[in-house]
Amino acid sequence: MADSVKLYTLSTCGHCKSTKTFLNECKVKYDFTDVDLFHGDERAAILEDVKKWNPNCSFPTIIIGDTVIVGYKEDEIREALGL
């Protein structure tokens, strides 16, 4: 299974919630950042990080090891996790 899983999400995004639910059901540990809950410089810095992985800056942006998945794509997430 992949070492690290990082999500950039929005607190109000249905696809983001589905991604978290799926990872929880698979008992995958992950870190997430609800970008919309940050403001000002902190939010700008987080968005710069997101753009490094996903230039379109859309959500969810999922980083599994070196693999970047944009959107809730269960098959791709499963494959990247080795499930």
PDB file of N, CA and C in Angstrom:
ATOM      1  N   MET A   1       0.848  -1.199   0.000  1.00  0.00           N
ATOM      2  CA  MET A   1       0.000   0.000   0.000  1.00  0.00           C
ATOM      3  C   MET A   1       0.882   1.247   0.000  1.00  0.00           C
ATOM      4  N   ALA A   2       0.411   2.293  -0.643  1.00  0.00           N
ATOM      5  CA  ALA A   2       1.184   3.535  -0.756  1.00  0.00           C
ATOM      6  C   ALA A   2       1.515   4.104   0.623  1.00  0.00           C
ATOM      7  N   ASP A   3       2.681   4.746   0.715  1.00  0.00           N
ATOM      8  CA  ASP A   3       3.145   5.296   1.989  1.00  0.00           C
ATOM      9  C   ASP A   3       2.266   6.429   2.474  1.00  0.00           C
ATOM     10  N   SER A   4       2.112   7.434   1.623  1.00  0.00           N
ATOM     11  CA  SER A   4       1.417   8.619   2.097  1.00  0.00           C
ATOM     12  C   SER A   4       0.254   8.959   1.176  1.00  0.00           C
ATOM     13  N   VAL A   5      -0.832   9.379   1.804  1.00  0.00           N
ATOM     14  CA  VAL A   5      -2.019   9.801   1.062  1.00  0.00           C
ATOM     15  C   VAL A   5      -2.390  11.185   1.571  1.00  0.00           C
ATOM     16  N   LYS A   6      -2.465  12.134   0.643  1.00  0.00           N
ATOM     17  CA  LYS A   6      -2.785  13.515   0.989  1.00  0.00           C
ATOM     18  C   LYS A   6      -3.938  13.971   0.111  1.00  0.00           C
ATOM     19  N   LEU A   7      -4.928  14.593   0.728  1.00  0.00           N
ATOM     20  CA  LEU A   7      -6.066  15.116  -0.014  1.00  0.00           C
ATOM     21  C   LEU A   7      -6.134  16.620   0.147  1.00  0.00           C
ATOM     22  N   TYR A   8      -6.411  17.293  -0.950  1.00  0.00           N
ATOM     23  CA  TYR A   8      -6.793  18.703  -0.905  1.00  0.00           C
ATOM     24  C   TYR A   8      -8.265  18.722  -1.278  1.00  0.00           C
ATOM     25  N   THR A   9      -9.094  19.211  -0.373  1.00  0.00           N
ATOM     26  CA  THR A   9     -10.540  19.111  -0.538  1.00  0.00           C
ATOM     27  C   THR A   9     -11.220  20.439  -0.210  1.00  0.00           C
ATOM     28  N   LEU A  10     -12.513  20.472  -0.477  1.00  0.00           N
ATOM     29  CA  LEU A  10     -13.373  21.571  -0.034  1.00  0.00           C
ATOM     30  C   LEU A  10     -14.388  20.973   0.927  1.00  0.00           C
ATOM     31  N   SER A  11     -14.690  21.671   1.999  1.00  0.00           N
ATOM     32  CA  SER A  11     -15.587  21.134   3.025  1.00  0.00           C
ATOM     33  C   SER A  11     -17.006  20.919   2.501  1.00  0.00           C
ATOM     34  N   THR A  12     -17.372  21.614   1.424  1.00  0.00           N
ATOM     35  CA  THR A  12     -18.737  21.547   0.901  1.00  0.00           C
ATOM     36  C   THR A  12     -18.863  20.664  -0.339  1.00  0.00           C
ATOM     37  N   CYS A  13     -17.784  20.020  -0.745  1.00  0.00           N
ATOM     38  CA  CYS A  13     -17.730  19.279  -2.016  1.00  0.00           C
ATOM     39  C   CYS A  13     -18.181  17.831  -1.835  1.00  0.00           C
ATOM     40  N   GLY A  14     -19.202  17.437  -2.576  1.00  0.00           N
ATOM     41  CA  GLY A  14     -19.718  16.070  -2.505  1.00  0.00           C
ATOM     42  C   GLY A  14     -18.692  15.029  -2.932  1.00  0.00           C
ATOM     43  N   HIS A  15     -17.921  15.322  -4.006  1.00  0.00           N
ATOM     44  CA  HIS A  15     -16.902  14.374  -4.467  1.00  0.00           C
ATOM     45  C   HIS A  15     -15.790  14.228  -3.427  1.00  0.00           C
ATOM     46  N   CYS A  16     -15.480  15.319  -2.752  1.00  0.00           N
ATOM     47  CA  CYS A  16     -14.464  15.284  -1.690  1.00  0.00           C
ATOM     48  C   CYS A  16     -14.945  14.398  -0.541  1.00  0.00           C
ATOM     49  N   LYS A  17     -16.212  14.567  -0.161  1.00  0.00           N
ATOM     50  CA  LYS A  17     -16.776  13.751   0.920  1.00  0.00           C
ATOM     51  C   LYS A  17     -16.784  12.280   0.523  1.00  0.00           C
ATOM     52  N   SER A  18     -17.125  11.991  -0.725  1.00  0.00           N
ATOM     53  CA  SER A  18     -17.131  10.603  -1.206  1.00  0.00           C
ATOM     54  C   SER A  18     -15.731   9.998  -1.143  1.00  0.00           C
ATOM     55  N   THR A  19     -14.734  10.791  -1.490  1.00  0.00           N
ATOM     56  CA  THR A  19     -13.352  10.312  -1.441  1.00  0.00           C
ATOM     57  C   THR A  19     -12.958   9.959  -0.013  1.00  0.00           C
ATOM     58  N   LYS A  20     -13.260  10.841   0.933  1.00  0.00           N
ATOM     59  CA  LYS A  20     -12.937  10.575   2.340  1.00  0.00           C
ATOM     60  C   LYS A  20     -13.669   9.331   2.833  1.00  0.00           C
ATOM     61  N   THR A  21     -14.947   9.201   2.483  1.00  0.00           N
ATOM     62  CA  THR A  21     -15.736   8.033   2.897  1.00  0.00           C
ATOM     63  C   THR A  21     -15.113   6.757   2.354  1.00  0.00           C
ATOM     64  N   PHE A  22     -14.749   6.778   1.074  1.00  0.00           N
ATOM     65  CA  PHE A  22     -14.140   5.610   0.443  1.00  0.00           C
ATOM     66  C   PHE A  22     -12.838   5.226   1.149  1.00  0.00           C
ATOM     67  N   LEU A  23     -11.973   6.205   1.403  1.00  0.00           N
ATOM     68  CA  LEU A  23     -10.700   5.915   2.080  1.00  0.00           C
ATOM     69  C   LEU A  23     -10.942   5.393   3.491  1.00  0.00           C
ATOM     70  N   ASN A  24     -11.921   5.948   4.184  1.00  0.00           N
ATOM     71  CA  ASN A  24     -12.255   5.461   5.527  1.00  0.00           C
ATOM     72  C   ASN A  24     -12.738   4.013   5.474  1.00  0.00           C
ATOM     73  N   GLU A  25     -13.586   3.700   4.494  1.00  0.00           N
ATOM     74  CA  GLU A  25     -14.097   2.327   4.357  1.00  0.00           C
ATOM     75  C   GLU A  25     -12.970   1.339   4.070  1.00  0.00           C
ATOM     76  N   CYS A  26     -11.944   1.812   3.343  1.00  0.00           N
ATOM     77  CA  CYS A  26     -10.789   0.968   3.016  1.00  0.00           C
ATOM     78  C   CYS A  26      -9.738   0.979   4.133  1.00  0.00           C
ATOM     79  N   LYS A  27     -10.048   1.701   5.204  1.00  0.00           N
ATOM     80  CA  LYS A  27      -9.149   1.827   6.357  1.00  0.00           C
ATOM     81  C   LYS A  27      -7.771   2.374   5.957  1.00  0.00           C
ATOM     82  N   VAL A  28      -7.791   3.368   5.064  1.00  0.00           N
ATOM     83  CA  VAL A  28      -6.573   4.026   4.602  1.00  0.00           C
ATOM     84  C   VAL A  28      -6.357   5.282   5.436  1.00  0.00           C
ATOM     85  N   LYS A  29      -5.135   5.425   5.966  1.00  0.00           N
ATOM     86  CA  LYS A  29      -4.807   6.651   6.697  1.00  0.00           C
ATOM     87  C   LYS A  29      -4.467   7.730   5.690  1.00  0.00           C
ATOM     88  N   TYR A  30      -4.953   8.932   5.923  1.00  0.00           N
ATOM     89  CA  TYR A  30      -4.685  10.036   5.009  1.00  0.00           C
ATOM     90  C   TYR A  30      -4.711  11.346   5.769  1.00  0.00           C
ATOM     91  N   ASP A  31      -4.030  12.320   5.190  1.00  0.00           N
ATOM     92  CA  ASP A  31      -4.088  13.697   5.685  1.00  0.00           C
ATOM     93  C   ASP A  31      -4.926  14.478   4.690  1.00  0.00           C
ATOM     94  N   PHE A  32      -5.716  15.404   5.181  1.00  0.00           N
ATOM     95  CA  PHE A  32      -6.496  16.221   4.266  1.00  0.00           C
ATOM     96  C   PHE A  32      -6.474  17.670   4.711  1.00  0.00           C
ATOM     97  N   THR A  33      -6.665  18.539   3.731  1.00  0.00           N
ATOM     98  CA  THR A  33      -6.768  19.969   3.976  1.00  0.00           C
ATOM     99  C   THR A  33      -8.031  20.461   3.296  1.00  0.00           C
ATOM    100  N   ASP A  34      -8.991  20.940   4.080  1.00  0.00           N
ATOM    101  CA  ASP A  34     -10.187  21.578   3.523  1.00  0.00           C
ATOM    102  C   ASP A  34      -9.804  23.022   3.188  1.00  0.00           C
ATOM    103  N   VAL A  35      -9.437  23.223   1.941  1.00  0.00           N
ATOM    104  CA  VAL A  35      -8.856  24.499   1.503  1.00  0.00           C
ATOM    105  C   VAL A  35      -9.784  25.682   1.787  1.00  0.00           C
ATOM    106  N   ASP A  36     -11.085  25.472   1.638  1.00  0.00           N
ATOM    107  CA  ASP A  36     -12.026  26.590   1.808  1.00  0.00           C
ATOM    108  C   ASP A  36     -12.158  27.059   3.252  1.00  0.00           C
ATOM    109  N   LEU A  37     -11.596  26.324   4.200  1.00  0.00           N
ATOM    110  CA  LEU A  37     -11.676  26.739   5.605  1.00  0.00           C
ATOM    111  C   LEU A  37     -10.511  27.647   6.009  1.00  0.00           C
ATOM    112  N   PHE A  38      -9.588  27.882   5.078  1.00  0.00           N
ATOM    113  CA  PHE A  38      -8.459  28.769   5.331  1.00  0.00           C
ATOM    114  C   PHE A  38      -8.708  30.107   4.639  1.00  0.00           C
ATOM    115  N   HIS A  39      -8.015  31.143   5.098  1.00  0.00           N
ATOM    116  CA  HIS A  39      -8.226  32.489   4.557  1.00  0.00           C
ATOM    117  C   HIS A  39      -6.896  33.185   4.344  1.00  0.00           C
ATOM    118  N   GLY A  40      -6.932  34.205   3.507  1.00  0.00           N
ATOM    119  CA  GLY A  40      -5.778  35.092   3.336  1.00  0.00           C
ATOM    120  C   GLY A  40      -4.530  34.391   2.844  1.00  0.00           C
ATOM    121  N   ASP A  41      -3.396  34.749   3.440  1.00  0.00           N
ATOM    122  CA  ASP A  41      -2.095  34.233   3.005  1.00  0.00           C
ATOM    123  C   ASP A  41      -2.002  32.722   3.158  1.00  0.00           C
ATOM    124  N   GLU A  42      -2.591  32.214   4.232  1.00  0.00           N
ATOM    125  CA  GLU A  42      -2.533  30.775   4.471  1.00  0.00           C
ATOM    126  C   GLU A  42      -3.244  30.020   3.338  1.00  0.00           C
ATOM    127  N   ARG A  43      -4.413  30.504   2.961  1.00  0.00           N
ATOM    128  CA  ARG A  43      -5.159  29.884   1.863  1.00  0.00           C
ATOM    129  C   ARG A  43      -4.381  30.003   0.551  1.00  0.00           C
ATOM    130  N   ALA A  44      -3.803  31.164   0.292  1.00  0.00           N
ATOM    131  CA  ALA A  44      -3.019  31.371  -0.932  1.00  0.00           C
ATOM    132  C   ALA A  44      -1.848  30.394  -0.998  1.00  0.00           C
ATOM    133  N   ALA A  45      -1.189  30.172   0.123  1.00  0.00           N
ATOM    134  CA  ALA A  45      -0.054  29.250   0.169  1.00  0.00           C
ATOM    135  C   ALA A  45      -0.514  27.815  -0.118  1.00  0.00           C
ATOM    136  N   ILE A  46      -1.646  27.430   0.447  1.00  0.00           N
ATOM    137  CA  ILE A  46      -2.189  26.084   0.214  1.00  0.00           C
ATOM    138  C   ILE A  46      -2.554  25.921  -1.258  1.00  0.00           C
ATOM    139  N   LEU A  47      -3.178  26.932  -1.844  1.00  0.00           N
ATOM    140  CA  LEU A  47      -3.552  26.851  -3.263  1.00  0.00           C
ATOM    141  C   LEU A  47      -2.315  26.747  -4.152  1.00  0.00           C
ATOM    142  N   GLU A  48      -1.224  27.380  -3.768  1.00  0.00           N
ATOM    143  CA  GLU A  48       0.034  27.233  -4.522  1.00  0.00           C
ATOM    144  C   GLU A  48       0.506  25.780  -4.461  1.00  0.00           C
ATOM    145  N   ASP A  49       0.383  25.151  -3.297  1.00  0.00           N
ATOM    146  CA  ASP A  49       0.739  23.732  -3.166  1.00  0.00           C
ATOM    147  C   ASP A  49      -0.133  22.873  -4.076  1.00  0.00           C
ATOM    148  N   VAL A  50      -1.436  23.138  -4.080  1.00  0.00           N
ATOM    149  CA  VAL A  50      -2.361  22.365  -4.913  1.00  0.00           C
ATOM    150  C   VAL A  50      -1.950  22.496  -6.376  1.00  0.00           C
ATOM    151  N   LYS A  51      -1.621  23.710  -6.811  1.00  0.00           N
ATOM    152  CA  LYS A  51      -1.276  23.953  -8.217  1.00  0.00           C
ATOM    153  C   LYS A  51      -0.026  23.199  -8.653  1.00  0.00           C
ATOM    154  N   LYS A  52       0.880  22.902  -7.709  1.00  0.00           N
ATOM    155  CA  LYS A  52       2.075  22.109  -8.046  1.00  0.00           C
ATOM    156  C   LYS A  52       1.656  20.708  -8.500  1.00  0.00           C
ATOM    157  N   TRP A  53       0.618  20.179  -7.889  1.00  0.00           N
ATOM    158  CA  TRP A  53       0.132  18.833  -8.209  1.00  0.00           C
ATOM    159  C   TRP A  53      -0.924  18.864  -9.306  1.00  0.00           C
ATOM    160  N   ASN A  54      -1.777  19.886  -9.281  1.00  0.00           N
ATOM    161  CA  ASN A  54      -2.926  19.974 -10.177  1.00  0.00           C
ATOM    162  C   ASN A  54      -3.075  21.429 -10.623  1.00  0.00           C
ATOM    163  N   PRO A  55      -2.485  21.755 -11.778  1.00  0.00           N
ATOM    164  CA  PRO A  55      -2.506  23.150 -12.249  1.00  0.00           C
ATOM    165  C   PRO A  55      -3.914  23.748 -12.367  1.00  0.00           C
ATOM    166  N   ASN A  56      -4.927  22.911 -12.571  1.00  0.00           N
ATOM    167  CA  ASN A  56      -6.307  23.420 -12.669  1.00  0.00           C
ATOM    168  C   ASN A  56      -6.888  23.776 -11.307  1.00  0.00           C
ATOM    169  N   CYS A  57      -6.230  23.303 -10.251  1.00  0.00           N
ATOM    170  CA  CYS A  57      -6.646  23.627  -8.884  1.00  0.00           C
ATOM    171  C   CYS A  57      -8.112  23.231  -8.646  1.00  0.00           C
ATOM    172  N   SER A  58      -8.450  22.004  -9.042  1.00  0.00           N
ATOM    173  CA  SER A  58      -9.802  21.498  -8.829  1.00  0.00           C
ATOM    174  C   SER A  58      -9.771  20.457  -7.711  1.00  0.00           C
ATOM    175  N   PHE A  59     -10.944  20.086  -7.242  1.00  0.00           N
ATOM    176  CA  PHE A  59     -11.027  19.258  -6.039  1.00  0.00           C
ATOM    177  C   PHE A  59     -11.952  18.070  -6.245  1.00  0.00           C
ATOM    178  N   PRO A  60     -11.682  16.967  -5.561  1.00  0.00           N
ATOM    179  CA  PRO A  60     -10.508  16.738  -4.715  1.00  0.00           C
ATOM    180  C   PRO A  60      -9.252  16.515  -5.552  1.00  0.00           C
ATOM    181  N   THR A  61      -8.127  16.934  -5.018  1.00  0.00           N
ATOM    182  CA  THR A  61      -6.821  16.573  -5.561  1.00  0.00           C
ATOM    183  C   THR A  61      -6.250  15.563  -4.574  1.00  0.00           C
ATOM    184  N   ILE A  62      -5.969  14.374  -5.082  1.00  0.00           N
ATOM    185  CA  ILE A  62      -5.540  13.254  -4.241  1.00  0.00           C
ATOM    186  C   ILE A  62      -4.111  12.895  -4.627  1.00  0.00           C
ATOM    187  N   ILE A  63      -3.221  12.856  -3.659  1.00  0.00           N
ATOM    188  CA  ILE A  63      -1.836  12.487  -3.910  1.00  0.00           C
ATOM    189  C   ILE A  63      -1.561  11.200  -3.141  1.00  0.00           C
ATOM    190  N   ILE A  64      -1.261  10.149  -3.898  1.00  0.00           N
ATOM    191  CA  ILE A  64      -0.958   8.846  -3.306  1.00  0.00           C
ATOM    192  C   ILE A  64       0.455   8.497  -3.753  1.00  0.00           C
ATOM    193  N   GLY A  65       1.410   8.623  -2.820  1.00  0.00           N
ATOM    194  CA  GLY A  65       2.805   8.446  -3.204  1.00  0.00           C
ATOM    195  C   GLY A  65       3.161   9.494  -4.244  1.00  0.00           C
ATOM    196  N   ASP A  66       3.531   9.053  -5.467  1.00  0.00           N
ATOM    197  CA  ASP A  66       3.859   9.977  -6.557  1.00  0.00           C
ATOM    198  C   ASP A  66       2.709  10.117  -7.550  1.00  0.00           C
ATOM    199  N   THR A  67       1.596   9.480  -7.270  1.00  0.00           N
ATOM    200  CA  THR A  67       0.453   9.492  -8.181  1.00  0.00           C
ATOM    201  C   THR A  67      -0.519  10.593  -7.792  1.00  0.00           C
ATOM    202  N   VAL A  68      -0.958  11.362  -8.776  1.00  0.00           N
ATOM    203  CA  VAL A  68      -1.944  12.414  -8.537  1.00  0.00           C
ATOM    204  C   VAL A  68      -3.233  12.029  -9.249  1.00  0.00           C
ATOM    205  N   ILE A  69      -4.327  12.047  -8.505  1.00  0.00           N
ATOM    206  CA  ILE A  69      -5.647  11.763  -9.059  1.00  0.00           C
ATOM    207  C   ILE A  69      -6.511  12.986  -8.776  1.00  0.00           C
ATOM    208  N   VAL A  70      -7.161  13.481  -9.814  1.00  0.00           N
ATOM    209  CA  VAL A  70      -8.027  14.645  -9.656  1.00  0.00           C
ATOM    210  C   VAL A  70      -9.460  14.172  -9.817  1.00  0.00           C
ATOM    211  N   GLY A  71     -10.247  14.395  -8.781  1.00  0.00           N
ATOM    212  CA  GLY A  71     -11.635  13.950  -8.808  1.00  0.00           C
ATOM    213  C   GLY A  71     -11.788  12.625  -8.086  1.00  0.00           C
ATOM    214  N   TYR A  72     -13.028  12.257  -7.851  1.00  0.00           N
ATOM    215  CA  TYR A  72     -13.319  11.005  -7.156  1.00  0.00           C
ATOM    216  C   TYR A  72     -13.393   9.895  -8.198  1.00  0.00           C
ATOM    217  N   LYS A  73     -12.279   9.191  -8.367  1.00  0.00           N
ATOM    218  CA  LYS A  73     -12.177   8.110  -9.348  1.00  0.00           C
ATOM    219  C   LYS A  73     -11.792   6.853  -8.592  1.00  0.00           C
ATOM    220  N   GLU A  74     -12.810   6.140  -8.117  1.00  0.00           N
ATOM    221  CA  GLU A  74     -12.591   5.019  -7.210  1.00  0.00           C
ATOM    222  C   GLU A  74     -11.612   3.986  -7.771  1.00  0.00           C
ATOM    223  N   ASP A  75     -11.758   3.636  -9.049  1.00  0.00           N
ATOM    224  CA  ASP A  75     -10.859   2.615  -9.628  1.00  0.00           C
ATOM    225  C   ASP A  75      -9.417   3.078  -9.616  1.00  0.00           C
ATOM    226  N   GLU A  76      -9.183   4.343  -9.975  1.00  0.00           N
ATOM    227  CA  GLU A  76      -7.823   4.865  -9.989  1.00  0.00           C
ATOM    228  C   GLU A  76      -7.244   4.944  -8.577  1.00  0.00           C
ATOM    229  N   ILE A  77      -8.072   5.338  -7.618  1.00  0.00           N
ATOM    230  CA  ILE A  77      -7.631   5.416  -6.221  1.00  0.00           C
ATOM    231  C   ILE A  77      -7.266   4.020  -5.732  1.00  0.00           C
ATOM    232  N   ARG A  78      -8.127   3.065  -6.006  1.00  0.00           N
ATOM    233  CA  ARG A  78      -7.905   1.674  -5.592  1.00  0.00           C
ATOM    234  C   ARG A  78      -6.580   1.147  -6.180  1.00  0.00           C
ATOM    235  N   GLU A  79      -6.379   1.420  -7.476  1.00  0.00           N
ATOM    236  CA  GLU A  79      -5.148   0.961  -8.138  1.00  0.00           C
ATOM    237  C   GLU A  79      -3.925   1.611  -7.529  1.00  0.00           C
ATOM    238  N   ALA A  80      -3.967   2.929  -7.305  1.00  0.00           N
ATOM    239  CA  ALA A  80      -2.830   3.646  -6.741  1.00  0.00           C
ATOM    240  C   ALA A  80      -2.493   3.160  -5.329  1.00  0.00           C
ATOM    241  N   LEU A  81      -3.528   2.731  -4.604  1.00  0.00           N
ATOM    242  CA  LEU A  81      -3.335   2.227  -3.237  1.00  0.00           C
ATOM    243  C   LEU A  81      -2.910   0.762  -3.223  1.00  0.00           C
ATOM    244  N   GLY A  82      -3.038   0.103  -4.365  1.00  0.00           N
ATOM    245  CA  GLY A  82      -2.719  -1.321  -4.425  1.00  0.00           C
ATOM    246  C   GLY A  82      -3.768  -2.164  -3.742  1.00  0.00           C
ATOM    247  N   LEU A  83      -5.038  -1.747  -3.831  1.00  0.00           N
ATOM    248  CA  LEU A  83      -6.134  -2.489  -3.192  1.00  0.00           C
ATOM    249  C   LEU A  83      -6.775  -3.457  -4.171  1.00  0.00           C
TER     250      LEU A  83
END
